């Protein structure tokens, strides 16, 4: 699952040392391996450990997408 979040949210949720990130880890919030620089987060196989956090992040990502759409088309 990939989510585009605000920079402050990304900075809070992403691990600080990119050399120590395991991009194969399951059920863990990590920076997207390609789009992390643009504030994208990723979770492989979200489950119990990340379910509440993923819901919150998806809510934010949906709001950002909705706002972007509204600015462009309304």
PDB file of N, CA and C in Angstrom:
ATOM      1  N   UNK A   1       0.847  -1.139   0.000  1.00  0.00           N
ATOM      2  CA  UNK A   1       0.000   0.000   0.000  1.00  0.00           C
ATOM      3  C   UNK A   1       0.908   1.222   0.000  1.00  0.00           C
ATOM      4  N   UNK A   2       0.599   2.186  -0.865  1.00  0.00           N
ATOM      5  CA  UNK A   2       1.406   3.395  -0.967  1.00  0.00           C
ATOM      6  C   UNK A   2       0.530   4.608  -0.709  1.00  0.00           C
ATOM      7  N   UNK A   3       1.056   5.566   0.051  1.00  0.00           N
ATOM      8  CA  UNK A   3       0.282   6.737   0.437  1.00  0.00           C
ATOM      9  C   UNK A   3       1.123   7.995   0.329  1.00  0.00           C
ATOM     10  N   UNK A   4       0.550   9.030  -0.298  1.00  0.00           N
ATOM     11  CA  UNK A   4       1.212  10.329  -0.395  1.00  0.00           C
ATOM     12  C   UNK A   4       0.713  11.187   0.763  1.00  0.00           C
ATOM     13  N   UNK A   5       1.606  11.511   1.681  1.00  0.00           N
ATOM     14  CA  UNK A   5       1.243  12.252   2.886  1.00  0.00           C
ATOM     15  C   UNK A   5       2.002  13.573   2.928  1.00  0.00           C
ATOM     16  N   UNK A   6       1.657  14.417   3.879  1.00  0.00           N
ATOM     17  CA  UNK A   6       2.345  15.696   4.029  1.00  0.00           C
ATOM     18  C   UNK A   6       3.791  15.471   4.471  1.00  0.00           C
ATOM     19  N   UNK A   7       4.626  16.439   4.237  1.00  0.00           N
ATOM     20  CA  UNK A   7       6.028  16.322   4.635  1.00  0.00           C
ATOM     21  C   UNK A   7       6.166  16.133   6.145  1.00  0.00           C
ATOM     22  N   UNK A   8       5.422  16.903   6.985  1.00  0.00           N
ATOM     23  CA  UNK A   8       5.553  16.661   8.432  1.00  0.00           C
ATOM     24  C   UNK A   8       5.149  15.237   8.834  1.00  0.00           C
ATOM     25  N   UNK A   9       4.088  14.703   8.239  1.00  0.00           N
ATOM     26  CA  UNK A   9       3.678  13.329   8.537  1.00  0.00           C
ATOM     27  C   UNK A   9       4.738  12.354   8.065  1.00  0.00           C
ATOM     28  N   UNK A  10       5.253  12.574   6.875  1.00  0.00           N
ATOM     29  CA  UNK A  10       6.309  11.704   6.358  1.00  0.00           C
ATOM     30  C   UNK A  10       7.514  11.702   7.288  1.00  0.00           C
ATOM     31  N   UNK A  11       7.947  12.889   7.693  1.00  0.00           N
ATOM     32  CA  UNK A  11       9.111  12.990   8.581  1.00  0.00           C
ATOM     33  C   UNK A  11       8.872  12.292   9.912  1.00  0.00           C
ATOM     34  N   UNK A  12       7.642  12.326  10.397  1.00  0.00           N
ATOM     35  CA  UNK A  12       7.307  11.684  11.662  1.00  0.00           C
ATOM     36  C   UNK A  12       7.274  10.160  11.516  1.00  0.00           C
ATOM     37  N   UNK A  13       6.767   9.663  10.392  1.00  0.00           N
ATOM     38  CA  UNK A  13       6.552   8.225  10.222  1.00  0.00           C
ATOM     39  C   UNK A  13       7.728   7.484   9.591  1.00  0.00           C
ATOM     40  N   UNK A  14       8.505   8.159   8.756  1.00  0.00           N
ATOM     41  CA  UNK A  14       9.588   7.493   8.028  1.00  0.00           C
ATOM     42  C   UNK A  14      10.806   7.310   8.923  1.00  0.00           C
ATOM     43  N   UNK A  15      11.519   6.260   8.669  1.00  0.00           N
ATOM     44  CA  UNK A  15      12.755   6.029   9.408  1.00  0.00           C
ATOM     45  C   UNK A  15      13.801   7.042   8.954  1.00  0.00           C
ATOM     46  N   UNK A  16      14.646   7.458   9.868  1.00  0.00           N
ATOM     47  CA  UNK A  16      15.580   8.539   9.572  1.00  0.00           C
ATOM     48  C   UNK A  16      16.812   8.107   8.790  1.00  0.00           C
ATOM     49  N   UNK A  17      17.228   6.872   8.922  1.00  0.00           N
ATOM     50  CA  UNK A  17      18.441   6.425   8.235  1.00  0.00           C
ATOM     51  C   UNK A  17      18.072   5.503   7.072  1.00  0.00           C
ATOM     52  N   UNK A  18      18.110   6.020   5.835  1.00  0.00           N
ATOM     53  CA  UNK A  18      17.697   5.206   4.688  1.00  0.00           C
ATOM     54  C   UNK A  18      18.553   3.964   4.466  1.00  0.00           C
ATOM     55  N   UNK A  19      19.771   3.950   4.979  1.00  0.00           N
ATOM     56  CA  UNK A  19      20.634   2.777   4.802  1.00  0.00           C
ATOM     57  C   UNK A  19      20.188   1.589   5.653  1.00  0.00           C
ATOM     58  N   UNK A  20      19.362   1.860   6.668  1.00  0.00           N
ATOM     59  CA  UNK A  20      18.924   0.792   7.569  1.00  0.00           C
ATOM     60  C   UNK A  20      17.497   0.318   7.286  1.00  0.00           C
ATOM     61  N   UNK A  21      16.874   0.805   6.231  1.00  0.00           N
ATOM     62  CA  UNK A  21      15.495   0.438   5.920  1.00  0.00           C
ATOM     63  C   UNK A  21      15.465  -0.903   5.204  1.00  0.00           C
ATOM     64  N   UNK A  22      14.639  -1.794   5.708  1.00  0.00           N
ATOM     65  CA  UNK A  22      14.427  -3.093   5.071  1.00  0.00           C
ATOM     66  C   UNK A  22      13.177  -2.978   4.206  1.00  0.00           C
ATOM     67  N   UNK A  23      13.369  -2.825   2.900  1.00  0.00           N
ATOM     68  CA  UNK A  23      12.249  -2.632   1.988  1.00  0.00           C
ATOM     69  C   UNK A  23      11.445  -3.901   1.750  1.00  0.00           C
ATOM     70  N   UNK A  24      11.825  -4.996   2.383  1.00  0.00           N
ATOM     71  CA  UNK A  24      11.055  -6.233   2.278  1.00  0.00           C
ATOM     72  C   UNK A  24      10.268  -6.524   3.554  1.00  0.00           C
ATOM     73  N   UNK A  25      10.381  -5.662   4.550  1.00  0.00           N
ATOM     74  CA  UNK A  25       9.699  -5.882   5.827  1.00  0.00           C
ATOM     75  C   UNK A  25       8.186  -5.801   5.647  1.00  0.00           C
ATOM     76  N   UNK A  26       7.483  -6.733   6.255  1.00  0.00           N
ATOM     77  CA  UNK A  26       6.026  -6.764   6.185  1.00  0.00           C
ATOM     78  C   UNK A  26       5.418  -6.031   7.369  1.00  0.00           C
ATOM     79  N   UNK A  27       4.248  -5.443   7.131  1.00  0.00           N
ATOM     80  CA  UNK A  27       3.465  -4.793   8.183  1.00  0.00           C
ATOM     81  C   UNK A  27       4.272  -3.728   8.926  1.00  0.00           C
ATOM     82  N   UNK A  28       4.951  -2.899   8.157  1.00  0.00           N
ATOM     83  CA  UNK A  28       5.780  -1.826   8.727  1.00  0.00           C
ATOM     84  C   UNK A  28       5.725  -0.621   7.800  1.00  0.00           C
ATOM     85  N   UNK A  29       5.567   0.571   8.355  1.00  0.00           N
ATOM     86  CA  UNK A  29       5.539   1.799   7.557  1.00  0.00           C
ATOM     87  C   UNK A  29       6.973   2.189   7.228  1.00  0.00           C
ATOM     88  N   UNK A  30       7.241   2.321   5.935  1.00  0.00           N
ATOM     89  CA  UNK A  30       8.580   2.702   5.470  1.00  0.00           C
ATOM     90  C   UNK A  30       8.437   3.746   4.366  1.00  0.00           C
ATOM     91  N   UNK A  31       9.489   4.496   4.075  1.00  0.00           N
ATOM     92  CA  UNK A  31       9.441   5.388   2.916  1.00  0.00           C
ATOM     93  C   UNK A  31       9.328   4.554   1.639  1.00  0.00           C
ATOM     94  N   UNK A  32       8.586   5.056   0.676  1.00  0.00           N
ATOM     95  CA  UNK A  32       8.486   4.352  -0.600  1.00  0.00           C
ATOM     96  C   UNK A  32       9.887   4.273  -1.203  1.00  0.00           C
ATOM     97  N   UNK A  33      10.283   3.121  -1.744  1.00  0.00           N
ATOM     98  CA  UNK A  33      11.654   2.963  -2.247  1.00  0.00           C
ATOM     99  C   UNK A  33      12.005   3.876  -3.421  1.00  0.00           C
ATOM    100  N   UNK A  34      11.018   4.318  -4.183  1.00  0.00           N
ATOM    101  CA  UNK A  34      11.291   5.199  -5.327  1.00  0.00           C
ATOM    102  C   UNK A  34      10.805   6.621  -5.055  1.00  0.00           C
ATOM    103  N   UNK A  35       9.610   6.751  -4.493  1.00  0.00           N
ATOM    104  CA  UNK A  35       8.980   8.062  -4.326  1.00  0.00           C
ATOM    105  C   UNK A  35       9.047   8.608  -2.905  1.00  0.00           C
ATOM    106  N   UNK A  36       9.884   8.068  -2.084  1.00  0.00           N
ATOM    107  CA  UNK A  36      10.028   8.551  -0.719  1.00  0.00           C
ATOM    108  C   UNK A  36      10.414  10.018  -0.652  1.00  0.00           C
ATOM    109  N   UNK A  37      11.212  10.474  -1.591  1.00  0.00           N
ATOM    110  CA  UNK A  37      11.638  11.887  -1.610  1.00  0.00           C
ATOM    111  C   UNK A  37      10.457  12.832  -1.830  1.00  0.00           C
ATOM    112  N   UNK A  38       9.367  12.310  -2.388  1.00  0.00           N
ATOM    113  CA  UNK A  38       8.161  13.117  -2.612  1.00  0.00           C
ATOM    114  C   UNK A  38       7.104  12.874  -1.529  1.00  0.00           C
ATOM    115  N   UNK A  39       7.506  12.374  -0.375  1.00  0.00           N
ATOM    116  CA  UNK A  39       6.644  12.152   0.795  1.00  0.00           C
ATOM    117  C   UNK A  39       5.669  10.991   0.628  1.00  0.00           C
ATOM    118  N   UNK A  40       6.090   9.955  -0.060  1.00  0.00           N
ATOM    119  CA  UNK A  40       5.263   8.754  -0.168  1.00  0.00           C
ATOM    120  C   UNK A  40       5.734   7.729   0.864  1.00  0.00           C
ATOM    121  N   UNK A  41       4.767   7.120   1.538  1.00  0.00           N
ATOM    122  CA  UNK A  41       5.038   6.038   2.464  1.00  0.00           C
ATOM    123  C   UNK A  41       4.498   4.745   1.883  1.00  0.00           C
ATOM    124  N   UNK A  42       5.031   3.638   2.338  1.00  0.00           N
ATOM    125  CA  UNK A  42       4.639   2.328   1.835  1.00  0.00           C
ATOM    126  C   UNK A  42       4.503   1.350   2.991  1.00  0.00           C
ATOM    127  N   UNK A  43       3.569   0.408   2.838  1.00  0.00           N
ATOM    128  CA  UNK A  43       3.420  -0.685   3.795  1.00  0.00           C
ATOM    129  C   UNK A  43       3.181  -1.954   2.980  1.00  0.00           C
ATOM    130  N   UNK A  44       4.029  -2.945   3.183  1.00  0.00           N
ATOM    131  CA  UNK A  44       3.827  -4.234   2.538  1.00  0.00           C
ATOM    132  C   UNK A  44       2.973  -5.106   3.452  1.00  0.00           C
ATOM    133  N   UNK A  45       1.880  -5.621   2.940  1.00  0.00           N
ATOM    134  CA  UNK A  45       0.970  -6.483   3.692  1.00  0.00           C
ATOM    135  C   UNK A  45       0.564  -5.882   5.039  1.00  0.00           C
ATOM    136  N   UNK A  46      -0.153  -4.753   5.022  1.00  0.00           N
ATOM    137  CA  UNK A  46      -0.588  -4.172   6.291  1.00  0.00           C
ATOM    138  C   UNK A  46      -1.419  -5.181   7.092  1.00  0.00           C
ATOM    139  N   UNK A  47      -1.177  -5.226   8.385  1.00  0.00           N
ATOM    140  CA  UNK A  47      -1.894  -6.148   9.272  1.00  0.00           C
ATOM    141  C   UNK A  47      -2.049  -5.493  10.646  1.00  0.00           C
ATOM    142  N   UNK A  48      -2.082  -6.285  11.676  1.00  0.00           N
ATOM    143  CA  UNK A  48      -2.386  -5.796  13.025  1.00  0.00           C
ATOM    144  C   UNK A  48      -1.444  -4.693  13.512  1.00  0.00           C
ATOM    145  N   UNK A  49      -0.169  -4.818  13.266  1.00  0.00           N
ATOM    146  CA  UNK A  49       0.805  -3.856  13.802  1.00  0.00           C
ATOM    147  C   UNK A  49       0.630  -2.456  13.226  1.00  0.00           C
ATOM    148  N   UNK A  50       0.107  -2.347  11.999  1.00  0.00           N
ATOM    149  CA  UNK A  50       0.003  -1.042  11.348  1.00  0.00           C
ATOM    150  C   UNK A  50      -1.429  -0.632  11.017  1.00  0.00           C
ATOM    151  N   UNK A  51      -2.419  -1.421  11.376  1.00  0.00           N
ATOM    152  CA  UNK A  51      -3.785  -1.149  10.919  1.00  0.00           C
ATOM    153  C   UNK A  51      -4.294   0.231  11.322  1.00  0.00           C
ATOM    154  N   UNK A  52      -4.135   0.625  12.560  1.00  0.00           N
ATOM    155  CA  UNK A  52      -4.608   1.946  12.991  1.00  0.00           C
ATOM    156  C   UNK A  52      -3.820   3.058  12.314  1.00  0.00           C
ATOM    157  N   UNK A  53      -2.525   2.891  12.226  1.00  0.00           N
ATOM    158  CA  UNK A  53      -1.678   3.901  11.597  1.00  0.00           C
ATOM    159  C   UNK A  53      -2.012   4.023  10.110  1.00  0.00           C
ATOM    160  N   UNK A  54      -2.224   2.900   9.430  1.00  0.00           N
ATOM    161  CA  UNK A  54      -2.547   2.925   8.006  1.00  0.00           C
ATOM    162  C   UNK A  54      -3.884   3.621   7.774  1.00  0.00           C
ATOM    163  N   UNK A  55      -4.863   3.378   8.626  1.00  0.00           N
ATOM    164  CA  UNK A  55      -6.155   4.064   8.494  1.00  0.00           C
ATOM    165  C   UNK A  55      -5.972   5.573   8.598  1.00  0.00           C
ATOM    166  N   UNK A  56      -5.185   6.004   9.555  1.00  0.00           N
ATOM    167  CA  UNK A  56      -4.933   7.443   9.735  1.00  0.00           C
ATOM    168  C   UNK A  56      -4.192   8.013   8.531  1.00  0.00           C
ATOM    169  N   UNK A  57      -3.165   7.299   8.047  1.00  0.00           N
ATOM    170  CA  UNK A  57      -2.398   7.777   6.904  1.00  0.00           C
ATOM    171  C   UNK A  57      -3.238   7.794   5.629  1.00  0.00           C
ATOM    172  N   UNK A  58      -4.084   6.789   5.442  1.00  0.00           N
ATOM    173  CA  UNK A  58      -4.963   6.766   4.272  1.00  0.00           C
ATOM    174  C   UNK A  58      -5.975   7.901   4.309  1.00  0.00           C
ATOM    175  N   UNK A  59      -6.471   8.209   5.492  1.00  0.00           N
ATOM    176  CA  UNK A  59      -7.395   9.334   5.629  1.00  0.00           C
ATOM    177  C   UNK A  59      -6.719  10.633   5.204  1.00  0.00           C
ATOM    178  N   UNK A  60      -5.481  10.830   5.656  1.00  0.00           N
ATOM    179  CA  UNK A  60      -4.741  12.023   5.248  1.00  0.00           C
ATOM    180  C   UNK A  60      -4.477  12.022   3.745  1.00  0.00           C
ATOM    181  N   UNK A  61      -4.032  10.896   3.204  1.00  0.00           N
ATOM    182  CA  UNK A  61      -3.719  10.813   1.776  1.00  0.00           C
ATOM    183  C   UNK A  61      -4.968  11.066   0.936  1.00  0.00           C
ATOM    184  N   UNK A  62      -6.097  10.532   1.351  1.00  0.00           N
ATOM    185  CA  UNK A  62      -7.347  10.758   0.629  1.00  0.00           C
ATOM    186  C   UNK A  62      -7.722  12.232   0.655  1.00  0.00           C
ATOM    187  N   UNK A  63      -7.587  12.871   1.798  1.00  0.00           N
ATOM    188  CA  UNK A  63      -7.876  14.300   1.909  1.00  0.00           C
ATOM    189  C   UNK A  63      -6.982  15.136   1.006  1.00  0.00           C
ATOM    190  N   UNK A  64      -5.723  14.771   0.936  1.00  0.00           N
ATOM    191  CA  UNK A  64      -4.791  15.500   0.056  1.00  0.00           C
ATOM    192  C   UNK A  64      -5.176  15.316  -1.408  1.00  0.00           C
ATOM    193  N   UNK A  65      -5.550  14.113  -1.787  1.00  0.00           N
ATOM    194  CA  UNK A  65      -5.954  13.850  -3.178  1.00  0.00           C
ATOM    195  C   UNK A  65      -7.253  14.591  -3.500  1.00  0.00           C
ATOM    196  N   UNK A  66      -8.193  14.583  -2.573  1.00  0.00           N
ATOM    197  CA  UNK A  66      -9.460  15.285  -2.779  1.00  0.00           C
ATOM    198  C   UNK A  66      -9.220  16.786  -2.927  1.00  0.00           C
ATOM    199  N   UNK A  67      -8.381  17.368  -2.065  1.00  0.00           N
ATOM    200  CA  UNK A  67      -8.080  18.799  -2.152  1.00  0.00           C
ATOM    201  C   UNK A  67      -7.411  19.147  -3.474  1.00  0.00           C
ATOM    202  N   UNK A  68      -6.514  18.299  -3.904  1.00  0.00           N
ATOM    203  CA  UNK A  68      -5.821  18.538  -5.178  1.00  0.00           C
ATOM    204  C   UNK A  68      -6.807  18.476  -6.350  1.00  0.00           C
ATOM    205  N   UNK A  69      -7.724  17.525  -6.319  1.00  0.00           N
ATOM    206  CA  UNK A  69      -8.737  17.412  -7.349  1.00  0.00           C
ATOM    207  C   UNK A  69      -9.633  18.651  -7.344  1.00  0.00           C
ATOM    208  N   UNK A  70     -10.081  19.071  -6.167  1.00  0.00           N
ATOM    209  CA  UNK A  70     -10.969  20.225  -6.061  1.00  0.00           C
ATOM    210  C   UNK A  70     -10.300  21.487  -6.607  1.00  0.00           C
ATOM    211  N   UNK A  71      -9.030  21.675  -6.326  1.00  0.00           N
ATOM    212  CA  UNK A  71      -8.331  22.857  -6.839  1.00  0.00           C
ATOM    213  C   UNK A  71      -8.223  22.835  -8.370  1.00  0.00           C
ATOM    214  N   UNK A  72      -8.107  21.654  -8.932  1.00  0.00           N
ATOM    215  CA  UNK A  72      -7.907  21.539 -10.377  1.00  0.00           C
ATOM    216  C   UNK A  72      -9.230  21.602 -11.156  1.00  0.00           C
ATOM    217  N   UNK A  73     -10.298  21.021 -10.601  1.00  0.00           N
ATOM    218  CA  UNK A  73     -11.512  20.842 -11.380  1.00  0.00           C
ATOM    219  C   UNK A  73     -12.730  21.617 -10.863  1.00  0.00           C
ATOM    220  N   UNK A  74     -12.590  22.329  -9.787  1.00  0.00           N
ATOM    221  CA  UNK A  74     -13.761  23.082  -9.288  1.00  0.00           C
ATOM    222  C   UNK A  74     -13.492  24.559  -9.287  1.00  0.00           C
TER     223      UNK A  74
END
